[in-house]
Structures are given as C-alpha cells and as structure tokens.
Amino acid sequence: MLNQWDSIVNFLLYLGVSVPLFLLGILIFFLTTPYREIVLIREGSELGNPQKVAAAKSAAFDLGGKAAGLSFVLASAIYHSVGVIDLMIWGGIGTVFLVGVFYLFEWLTPFRVVSEIPKGNVGVGIFSAFLSIASGIIMASLISY
C-alpha cells in the first residue's frame, strides 16, 4: 500500500511539472509567431467570410501540430528523466527546438509561412502541423538517460 502512495505522489509531482511546461510551451509558441493564433481561430466562426474560416483552420492546424510535437517531447522526457529538473531541461530544449523548426521552415520555403497562415493557406498550416509532429517524434526519440 505504501508503494502505491509513492507512485501517486510521483504521478502528481510529474503532472504538476509537465502541465505547466506544456502550457509554457504553448505560450512561447504564441509569443514567437507574429500572428495571433487564438484570434484567427476565434474569428473563424464568421462563416460568411471564407478567408477567416480558412485562416482559422490554418492556425488551428499549425498550433495543434506544435502542441502534439511538444507533447511527444514531454512524454519522452517524463519517461526518460531521472528527476523533475531533468524533465524541465528536456521540456525547455524541446520547446526551443520546435520554435526553431518553425522558423527553419519559414526560412527554407519560397514563401512567407507567417503571412500564409493568416491569409488562410490551409495547406501551409497542415504541412506546418505535420512538420512539428514529425520533429517532436524525432526529438522524443533522441531523449535518453
């Protein structure tokens, strides 16, 4: 029975660190893109404006892909970490690299990703999402102790 309590305490400790890390990562994603994802997504409910609907979809794919990529990194960091500090370090590294992947994507493409998403280019949003997910999976597999 005592062993169960140790596991529950450990679960709560890691949950108490990983959820704020995830939310901090999302906040960093918000702060490092020139467009406001939440505003674009909210304005997508204006069904009479197809451009706003498309921009909302594009932003939702982009942000959702970043969230999924970050969750892969955090899951791997939780699994492999030797302590909470280790989890925080790898979570921070994963966030920084996911932001870097987005701007590498921006730099390598012949168009401006940061202007295509607000314009409603859903293809760019979807590709950005899959790029973030794939990068998160690769980074997650690189984390080990």
C-alpha atoms as a PDB file:
ATOM      1  CA  MET A   1       0.000   0.000   0.000  1.00  0.00           C
ATOM      2  CA  LEU A   2       2.825   2.390   0.833  1.00  0.00           C
ATOM      3  CA  ASN A   3       4.281   1.725  -2.602  1.00  0.00           C
ATOM      4  CA  GLN A   4       1.012   2.906  -4.181  1.00  0.00           C
ATOM      5  CA  TRP A   5       1.204   6.225  -2.334  1.00  0.00           C
ATOM      6  CA  ASP A   6       4.768   6.749  -3.561  1.00  0.00           C
ATOM      7  CA  SER A   7       3.552   6.190  -7.121  1.00  0.00           C
ATOM      8  CA  ILE A   8       0.633   8.576  -6.665  1.00  0.00           C
ATOM      9  CA  VAL A   9       2.882  11.265  -5.210  1.00  0.00           C
ATOM     10  CA  ASN A  10       5.342  10.775  -8.081  1.00  0.00           C
ATOM     11  CA  PHE A  11       2.481  10.972 -10.610  1.00  0.00           C
ATOM     12  CA  LEU A  12       1.188  14.191  -9.061  1.00  0.00           C
ATOM     13  CA  LEU A  13       4.688  15.697  -8.946  1.00  0.00           C
ATOM     14  CA  TYR A  14       5.368  14.979 -12.607  1.00  0.00           C
ATOM     15  CA  LEU A  15       1.868  16.094 -13.584  1.00  0.00           C
ATOM     16  CA  GLY A  16       2.389  19.315 -11.623  1.00  0.00           C
ATOM     17  CA  VAL A  17       5.567  19.990 -13.588  1.00  0.00           C
ATOM     18  CA  SER A  18       4.628  18.705 -17.054  1.00  0.00           C
ATOM     19  CA  VAL A  19       1.281  20.511 -17.400  1.00  0.00           C
ATOM     20  CA  PRO A  20       2.827  23.952 -16.679  1.00  0.00           C
ATOM     21  CA  LEU A  21       5.709  23.053 -19.024  1.00  0.00           C
ATOM     22  CA  PHE A  22       3.201  22.239 -21.747  1.00  0.00           C
ATOM     23  CA  LEU A  23       1.277  25.478 -21.144  1.00  0.00           C
ATOM     24  CA  LEU A  24       4.527  27.462 -21.078  1.00  0.00           C
ATOM     25  CA  GLY A  25       5.485  25.868 -24.395  1.00  0.00           C
ATOM     26  CA  ILE A  26       2.151  26.898 -25.917  1.00  0.00           C
ATOM     27  CA  LEU A  27       2.656  30.429 -24.571  1.00  0.00           C
ATOM     28  CA  ILE A  28       6.112  30.529 -26.149  1.00  0.00           C
ATOM     29  CA  PHE A  29       4.584  29.411 -29.456  1.00  0.00           C
ATOM     30  CA  PHE A  30       2.074  32.276 -29.146  1.00  0.00           C
ATOM     31  CA  LEU A  31       4.840  34.781 -28.436  1.00  0.00           C
ATOM     32  CA  THR A  32       7.174  33.675 -31.226  1.00  0.00           C
ATOM     33  CA  THR A  33       4.725  33.888 -34.121  1.00  0.00           C
ATOM     34  CA  PRO A  34       3.743  37.308 -35.464  1.00  0.00           C
ATOM     35  CA  TYR A  35       0.105  36.283 -35.949  1.00  0.00           C
ATOM     36  CA  ARG A  36      -2.282  35.612 -33.081  1.00  0.00           C
ATOM     37  CA  GLU A  37      -3.478  32.015 -33.372  1.00  0.00           C
ATOM     38  CA  ILE A  38      -6.307  32.381 -30.862  1.00  0.00           C
ATOM     39  CA  VAL A  39      -7.679  35.477 -32.614  1.00  0.00           C
ATOM     40  CA  LEU A  40      -7.537  33.753 -36.003  1.00  0.00           C
ATOM     41  CA  ILE A  41      -9.246  30.661 -34.606  1.00  0.00           C
ATOM     42  CA  ARG A  42     -11.941  32.708 -32.846  1.00  0.00           C
ATOM     43  CA  GLU A  43     -12.645  34.757 -35.975  1.00  0.00           C
ATOM     44  CA  GLY A  44     -13.117  31.530 -37.942  1.00  0.00           C
ATOM     45  CA  SER A  45     -16.654  31.342 -36.655  1.00  0.00           C
ATOM     46  CA  GLU A  46     -17.605  34.114 -39.095  1.00  0.00           C
ATOM     47  CA  LEU A  47     -18.916  31.679 -41.685  1.00  0.00           C
ATOM     48  CA  GLY A  48     -19.776  34.490 -44.092  1.00  0.00           C
ATOM     49  CA  ASN A  49     -16.060  35.209 -44.512  1.00  0.00           C
ATOM     50  CA  PRO A  50     -14.307  32.227 -46.179  1.00  0.00           C
ATOM     51  CA  GLN A  51     -10.865  33.795 -45.741  1.00  0.00           C
ATOM     52  CA  LYS A  52     -11.329  33.983 -41.957  1.00  0.00           C
ATOM     53  CA  VAL A  53     -12.609  30.413 -41.862  1.00  0.00           C
ATOM     54  CA  ALA A  54      -9.559  29.226 -43.815  1.00  0.00           C
ATOM     55  CA  ALA A  55      -7.195  31.283 -41.616  1.00  0.00           C
ATOM     56  CA  ALA A  56      -8.766  29.704 -38.528  1.00  0.00           C
ATOM     57  CA  LYS A  57      -8.234  26.219 -39.954  1.00  0.00           C
ATOM     58  CA  SER A  58      -4.661  27.007 -40.909  1.00  0.00           C
ATOM     59  CA  ALA A  59      -3.847  28.468 -37.480  1.00  0.00           C
ATOM     60  CA  ALA A  60      -5.561  25.569 -35.701  1.00  0.00           C
ATOM     61  CA  PHE A  61      -3.548  23.009 -37.668  1.00  0.00           C
ATOM     62  CA  ASP A  62      -0.318  24.925 -37.048  1.00  0.00           C
ATOM     63  CA  LEU A  63      -0.888  25.343 -33.313  1.00  0.00           C
ATOM     64  CA  GLY A  64      -2.277  21.827 -32.911  1.00  0.00           C
ATOM     65  CA  GLY A  65       0.782  20.349 -34.598  1.00  0.00           C
ATOM     66  CA  LYS A  66       3.088  22.306 -32.311  1.00  0.00           C
ATOM     67  CA  ALA A  67       1.103  21.109 -29.277  1.00  0.00           C
ATOM     68  CA  ALA A  68       1.273  17.488 -30.469  1.00  0.00           C
ATOM     69  CA  GLY A  69       5.004  17.742 -31.204  1.00  0.00           C
ATOM     70  CA  LEU A  70       5.628  19.216 -27.771  1.00  0.00           C
ATOM     71  CA  SER A  71       3.555  16.505 -26.108  1.00  0.00           C
ATOM     72  CA  PHE A  72       5.724  13.811 -27.731  1.00  0.00           C
ATOM     73  CA  VAL A  73       8.849  15.531 -26.417  1.00  0.00           C
ATOM     74  CA  LEU A  74       7.383  15.924 -22.919  1.00  0.00           C
ATOM     75  CA  ALA A  75       6.158  12.322 -22.840  1.00  0.00           C
ATOM     76  CA  SER A  76       9.630  11.089 -23.697  1.00  0.00           C
ATOM     77  CA  ALA A  77      11.207  13.458 -21.178  1.00  0.00           C
ATOM     78  CA  ILE A  78       8.843  12.175 -18.474  1.00  0.00           C
ATOM     79  CA  TYR A  79       9.670   8.574 -19.338  1.00  0.00           C
ATOM     80  CA  HIS A  80      13.446   9.053 -19.503  1.00  0.00           C
ATOM     81  CA  SER A  81      14.045  11.719 -16.885  1.00  0.00           C
ATOM     82  CA  VAL A  82      15.933  10.895 -13.732  1.00  0.00           C
ATOM     83  CA  GLY A  83      14.169  13.701 -11.887  1.00  0.00           C
ATOM     84  CA  VAL A  84      11.961  16.736 -12.225  1.00  0.00           C
ATOM     85  CA  ILE A  85      14.866  19.045 -13.112  1.00  0.00           C
ATOM     86  CA  ASP A  86      15.819  16.714 -15.938  1.00  0.00           C
ATOM     87  CA  LEU A  87      12.215  16.836 -17.191  1.00  0.00           C
ATOM     88  CA  MET A  88      12.233  20.637 -17.098  1.00  0.00           C
ATOM     89  CA  ILE A  89      15.522  20.825 -19.020  1.00  0.00           C
ATOM     90  CA  TRP A  90      14.346  18.480 -21.777  1.00  0.00           C
ATOM     91  CA  GLY A  91      10.960  20.184 -21.945  1.00  0.00           C
ATOM     92  CA  GLY A  92      12.703  23.525 -22.441  1.00  0.00           C
ATOM     93  CA  ILE A  93      15.043  22.110 -25.061  1.00  0.00           C
ATOM     94  CA  GLY A  94      12.112  20.560 -26.935  1.00  0.00           C
ATOM     95  CA  THR A  95      10.185  23.840 -26.941  1.00  0.00           C
ATOM     96  CA  VAL A  96      13.166  25.795 -28.229  1.00  0.00           C
ATOM     97  CA  PHE A  97      13.796  23.273 -30.989  1.00  0.00           C
ATOM     98  CA  LEU A  98      10.140  23.218 -32.081  1.00  0.00           C
ATOM     99  CA  VAL A  99      10.214  27.009 -32.390  1.00  0.00           C
ATOM    100  CA  GLY A 100      13.438  26.608 -34.338  1.00  0.00           C
ATOM    101  CA  VAL A 101      11.848  24.074 -36.690  1.00  0.00           C
ATOM    102  CA  PHE A 102       9.027  26.511 -37.433  1.00  0.00           C
ATOM    103  CA  TYR A 103      11.464  29.288 -38.326  1.00  0.00           C
ATOM    104  CA  LEU A 104      13.670  26.907 -40.307  1.00  0.00           C
ATOM    105  CA  PHE A 105      10.517  26.017 -42.274  1.00  0.00           C
ATOM    106  CA  GLU A 106       9.886  29.756 -42.714  1.00  0.00           C
ATOM    107  CA  TRP A 107      13.453  30.311 -43.921  1.00  0.00           C
ATOM    108  CA  LEU A 108      13.572  27.368 -46.346  1.00  0.00           C
ATOM    109  CA  THR A 109      10.278  27.935 -48.131  1.00  0.00           C
ATOM    110  CA  PRO A 110       9.972  30.261 -51.129  1.00  0.00           C
ATOM    111  CA  PHE A 111       7.000  31.949 -49.429  1.00  0.00           C
ATOM    112  CA  ARG A 112       6.423  33.531 -46.027  1.00  0.00           C
ATOM    113  CA  VAL A 113       4.796  30.971 -43.721  1.00  0.00           C
ATOM    114  CA  VAL A 114       3.982  33.711 -41.211  1.00  0.00           C
ATOM    115  CA  SER A 115       1.919  35.535 -43.818  1.00  0.00           C
ATOM    116  CA  GLU A 116       0.368  32.468 -45.495  1.00  0.00           C
ATOM    117  CA  ILE A 117      -1.295  31.143 -42.329  1.00  0.00           C
ATOM    118  CA  PRO A 118      -3.215  34.369 -41.547  1.00  0.00           C
ATOM    119  CA  LYS A 119      -4.196  34.590 -45.233  1.00  0.00           C
ATOM    120  CA  GLY A 120      -5.862  31.192 -44.876  1.00  0.00           C
ATOM    121  CA  ASN A 121      -3.456  28.930 -46.716  1.00  0.00           C
ATOM    122  CA  VAL A 122      -4.658  25.716 -45.095  1.00  0.00           C
ATOM    123  CA  GLY A 123      -2.049  23.632 -46.920  1.00  0.00           C
ATOM    124  CA  VAL A 124       0.731  25.571 -45.214  1.00  0.00           C
ATOM    125  CA  GLY A 125      -0.963  25.120 -41.835  1.00  0.00           C
ATOM    126  CA  ILE A 126      -1.333  21.375 -42.366  1.00  0.00           C
ATOM    127  CA  PHE A 127       2.239  20.965 -43.569  1.00  0.00           C
ATOM    128  CA  SER A 128       3.477  23.030 -40.613  1.00  0.00           C
ATOM    129  CA  ALA A 129       1.490  20.781 -38.260  1.00  0.00           C
ATOM    130  CA  PHE A 130       2.957  17.591 -39.675  1.00  0.00           C
ATOM    131  CA  LEU A 131       6.430  19.088 -39.632  1.00  0.00           C
ATOM    132  CA  SER A 132       6.026  19.919 -35.922  1.00  0.00           C
ATOM    133  CA  ILE A 133       4.651  16.461 -35.146  1.00  0.00           C
ATOM    134  CA  ALA A 134       7.455  14.717 -37.048  1.00  0.00           C
ATOM    135  CA  SER A 135      10.079  16.922 -35.389  1.00  0.00           C
ATOM    136  CA  GLY A 136       8.567  16.223 -31.973  1.00  0.00           C
ATOM    137  CA  ILE A 137       8.702  12.471 -32.589  1.00  0.00           C
ATOM    138  CA  ILE A 138      12.321  12.672 -33.722  1.00  0.00           C
ATOM    139  CA  MET A 139      13.296  14.818 -30.728  1.00  0.00           C
ATOM    140  CA  ALA A 140      11.408  12.495 -28.390  1.00  0.00           C
ATOM    141  CA  SER A 141      13.386   9.519 -29.660  1.00  0.00           C
ATOM    142  CA  LEU A 142      16.639  11.387 -29.046  1.00  0.00           C
ATOM    143  CA  ILE A 143      15.930  11.867 -25.342  1.00  0.00           C
ATOM    144  CA  SER A 144      17.512   9.186 -23.198  1.00  0.00           C
ATOM    145  CA  TYR A 145      19.427   8.992 -19.988  1.00  0.00           C
END
